[in-house]
Protein backbone atom coordinates (compact mmCIF):
# COMPACT_ATOMS: atom_id res chain seq x y z
CA MET A 1 1.82 -13.81 -69.71
CA ILE A 2 -0.97 -15.68 -68.03
CA LEU A 3 -1.34 -12.43 -66.26
CA ILE A 4 -1.52 -10.18 -68.66
CA ARG A 5 -4.02 -12.00 -70.40
CA ASN A 6 -6.50 -12.23 -67.17
CA ILE A 7 -6.04 -8.73 -67.19
CA ILE A 8 -7.24 -8.35 -70.26
CA VAL A 9 -10.10 -10.74 -69.88
CA LEU A 10 -11.27 -8.55 -66.69
CA LEU A 11 -10.64 -5.61 -68.77
CA LEU A 12 -13.10 -6.97 -71.83
CA CYS A 13 -15.17 -8.29 -69.33
CA PHE A 14 -16.28 -5.05 -66.94
CA SER A 15 -15.89 -2.84 -70.35
CA TYR A 16 -18.98 -5.44 -71.29
CA ASN A 17 -20.68 -5.10 -68.17
CA LEU A 18 -20.26 -0.83 -68.58
CA SER A 19 -21.56 -1.12 -72.34
CA THR A 20 -24.41 -3.48 -71.25
CA LEU A 21 -25.61 -0.67 -67.98
CA ALA A 22 -25.09 1.69 -70.46
CA ALA A 23 -27.69 -0.04 -73.04
CA THR A 24 -30.21 -0.85 -70.15
CA SER A 25 -30.14 1.99 -68.17
CA ASN A 26 -32.19 4.28 -70.56
CA ASP A 27 -35.09 0.89 -70.83
CA THR A 28 -35.20 0.96 -66.61
CA LEU A 29 -38.22 2.87 -65.28
CA GLN A 30 -37.07 6.25 -63.19
CA VAL A 31 -39.56 6.65 -60.10
CA THR A 32 -39.36 10.51 -59.03
CA PRO A 33 -41.22 11.61 -56.03
CA ILE A 34 -43.20 14.83 -56.23
CA GLU A 35 -45.13 16.97 -54.49
CA THR A 36 -48.58 15.24 -55.21
CA GLY A 37 -47.42 12.15 -55.69
CA TYR A 38 -44.75 10.26 -57.58
CA LEU A 39 -43.65 10.10 -61.80
CA LEU A 40 -42.55 7.28 -63.57
CA ASN A 41 -41.14 7.34 -66.83
CA VAL A 42 -38.49 4.96 -69.08
CA PRO A 43 -36.06 7.35 -70.52
CA VAL A 44 -36.76 5.53 -73.76
CA SER A 45 -40.02 5.78 -73.32
CA ARG A 46 -42.05 8.97 -75.17
CA ILE A 47 -45.10 9.14 -72.12
CA GLN A 48 -44.63 9.58 -68.40
CA LEU A 49 -46.98 7.72 -65.87
CA THR A 50 -48.62 10.28 -63.28
CA ILE A 51 -50.12 8.73 -59.90
CA PRO A 52 -51.13 11.66 -57.91
CA ASP A 53 -50.99 10.24 -54.81
CA ALA A 54 -48.92 11.23 -51.82
CA LYS A 55 -49.75 8.44 -48.99
CA LEU A 56 -48.50 5.46 -50.90
CA ILE A 57 -45.16 3.97 -50.62
CA ASP A 58 -42.95 3.40 -53.41
CA LEU A 59 -41.93 -0.49 -52.86
CA THR A 60 -40.78 -0.77 -56.82
CA SER A 61 -37.20 -1.92 -55.36
CA LYS A 62 -37.90 -4.19 -53.24
CA MET A 63 -40.58 -6.04 -55.56
CA ARG A 64 -38.15 -6.14 -58.64
CA LYS A 65 -36.69 -9.64 -58.55
CA SER A 66 -34.44 -9.84 -61.48
CA ALA A 67 -33.19 -7.57 -64.23
CA ASN A 68 -36.34 -8.49 -66.18
CA ASP A 69 -38.44 -6.65 -63.88
CA ARG A 70 -36.28 -2.96 -64.76
CA ARG A 71 -39.49 -1.62 -66.17
CA TYR A 72 -41.78 -2.79 -63.45
CA PHE A 73 -43.37 -0.65 -60.18
CA TYR A 74 -44.92 -1.31 -57.38
CA PHE A 75 -46.79 1.36 -54.52
CA ALA A 76 -48.86 0.19 -51.58
CA ASP A 77 -50.85 2.02 -48.83
CA GLU A 78 -51.67 -0.59 -46.48
CA THR A 79 -53.75 1.45 -44.31
CA ARG A 80 -56.10 1.85 -47.41
CA GLY A 81 -55.94 -1.49 -48.92
CA LEU A 82 -54.37 -0.29 -51.67
CA THR A 83 -51.80 -1.20 -54.37
CA VAL A 84 -51.00 -0.17 -57.73
CA SER A 85 -48.76 -2.25 -59.86
CA GLY A 86 -47.57 -2.65 -63.11
CA TRP A 87 -45.10 -2.16 -66.43
CA PHE A 88 -43.73 0.02 -68.84
CA GLU A 89 -43.64 -2.35 -72.22
CA GLN A 90 -42.82 -1.77 -76.07
CA ALA A 91 -46.18 -1.53 -78.07
CA GLY A 92 -46.04 -3.62 -80.00
CA SER A 93 -46.28 -6.45 -77.08
CA PHE A 94 -49.98 -5.42 -76.13
CA PRO A 95 -52.06 -7.89 -78.07
CA GLY A 96 -55.16 -6.52 -77.56
CA LEU A 97 -57.07 -6.71 -74.69
CA ASN A 98 -59.22 -9.26 -75.46
CA LYS A 99 -56.03 -11.34 -75.75
CA PHE A 100 -54.04 -10.13 -72.94
CA TRP A 101 -57.37 -11.11 -70.63
CA GLN A 102 -57.26 -14.90 -72.00
CA GLY A 103 -53.61 -14.99 -70.99
CA GLU A 104 -53.90 -13.68 -67.32
CA MET A 105 -57.02 -16.35 -67.07
CA ALA A 106 -54.69 -19.26 -68.40
CA SER A 107 -52.07 -18.72 -66.08
CA TRP A 108 -54.54 -17.37 -63.22
CA LYS A 109 -55.63 -21.18 -63.69
CA LYS A 110 -52.16 -22.80 -64.48
CA ASN A 111 -51.55 -21.32 -61.22
CA SER A 112 -54.65 -22.31 -59.28
CA LEU A 113 -55.66 -18.77 -58.66
CA PRO A 114 -59.59 -18.42 -58.10
CA ALA A 115 -61.32 -17.05 -60.81
CA PRO A 116 -62.56 -13.74 -61.70
CA LEU A 117 -65.87 -12.73 -60.34
CA ASN A 118 -68.20 -9.67 -61.55
CA VAL A 119 -66.01 -8.89 -64.74
CA ALA A 120 -66.57 -6.01 -66.44
CA ALA A 121 -64.61 -4.67 -69.86
CA VAL A 122 -65.01 -0.35 -69.84
CA GLN A 123 -63.73 2.34 -71.82
CA LEU A 124 -62.50 5.14 -69.13
CA ASN A 125 -61.19 7.85 -70.57
CA ASP A 126 -57.54 6.59 -72.92
CA TRP A 127 -57.61 3.57 -70.93
CA GLN A 128 -58.78 0.04 -71.96
CA ALA A 129 -59.77 -1.75 -68.25
CA ILE A 130 -61.69 -4.76 -66.35
CA PHE A 131 -62.87 -4.70 -63.62
CA TYR A 132 -63.30 -7.75 -61.29
CA ASP A 133 -63.51 -9.01 -57.58
CA ILE A 134 -61.40 -11.85 -55.92
CA ASP A 135 -63.29 -13.71 -53.30
CA ALA A 136 -61.14 -15.12 -51.06
CA GLY A 137 -62.59 -15.21 -48.13
CA PRO A 138 -60.93 -12.47 -45.57
CA GLU A 139 -57.94 -11.63 -47.95
CA SER A 140 -61.06 -10.82 -50.95
CA SER A 141 -60.60 -7.67 -53.29
CA LYS A 142 -61.46 -5.39 -55.95
CA HIS A 143 -59.32 -5.07 -58.24
CA VAL A 144 -58.72 -3.15 -61.88
CA LYS A 145 -56.72 -3.83 -64.85
CA ALA A 146 -56.17 -1.28 -67.24
CA GLU A 147 -54.48 -1.17 -70.07
CA ILE A 148 -53.23 2.36 -72.48
CA VAL A 149 -50.77 2.36 -75.66
CA LEU A 150 -49.96 5.12 -76.63
CA GLU A 151 -46.44 7.38 -78.69
CA GLY A 152 -45.17 3.22 -79.09
CA THR A 153 -45.25 2.56 -75.11
CA TRP A 154 -47.08 -0.15 -73.16
CA ILE A 155 -48.68 0.82 -69.67
CA ASP A 156 -50.10 -2.22 -67.49
CA LEU A 157 -51.46 -0.99 -64.83
CA HIS A 158 -53.26 -2.63 -62.13
CA ILE A 159 -55.23 -1.73 -58.93
CA SER A 160 -56.27 -3.23 -56.26
CA ILE A 161 -58.23 -2.47 -52.67
CA SER A 162 -59.04 -5.08 -50.38
CA ASN A 163 -62.44 -5.44 -48.73
CA SER A 164 -60.99 -5.56 -45.35
CA ALA A 165 -60.54 -1.49 -46.13
CA SER A 166 -62.52 0.87 -44.71
CA PRO A 167 -64.64 1.99 -46.21
CA PRO A 168 -65.05 -0.60 -47.95
CA PRO A 169 -64.17 -1.06 -50.95
CA THR A 170 -66.66 0.10 -54.33
CA ARG A 171 -65.85 -0.22 -58.26
CA GLU A 172 -66.39 3.68 -57.98
CA MET A 173 -63.23 3.81 -55.90
CA LEU A 174 -61.14 2.31 -58.11
CA GLU A 175 -62.44 4.06 -61.22
CA ASP A 176 -61.48 7.92 -59.38
CA PHE A 177 -58.44 6.33 -58.90
CA LEU A 178 -57.32 5.27 -61.98
CA LYS A 179 -59.53 8.61 -64.05
CA GLY A 180 -56.55 10.52 -61.22
CA ILE A 181 -53.42 8.92 -62.92
CA ILE A 182 -52.13 11.09 -65.87
CA VAL A 183 -50.68 9.71 -68.60
CA THR A 184 -48.82 12.80 -71.08
CA THR A 185 -46.57 12.64 -73.58
CA LYS A 186 -42.90 13.82 -72.41
CA PRO A 187 -42.07 17.16 -73.30
CA ALA A 188 -39.32 17.45 -76.19
CA GLY A 189 -35.55 17.69 -75.59
């Protein structure tokens, strides 16, 4: 009797885990290499993101630390000192650029991170962006946090270039890279 009960419990647990997996796989980011870079999409989202840079290395699976990171992405090119990372989230999670940035600054202060310099908020195509520099001695870098809300999805994007890169990074380099990122509505069907 105990054996049968244990088997039933195991089957119920297995069944629950399968249904949980099925429920979450639709909201897990998928990264597809394409000839010109990478196509990113979350099946339940109506938009997709194309990063047109085939030199980047997809480090997404290595950088995810838990199941809560299932919509997180991370790419890097060490030779250029370039990183591109971010999240896909529901549009309702985006508090607006000012509140979002205030939250970022509070988190940085709490974690004793250096304050950003040369902060500039701009609208760049459909992206709401904040450009800034981090002065950390030899690890100094230029950054942009860019946000877009479209078709019920919020994409939070972070692009950074190390100052040790050659040629030294400029804000224009970040702008050009951000302009090259394409967000499209998925085809119906």
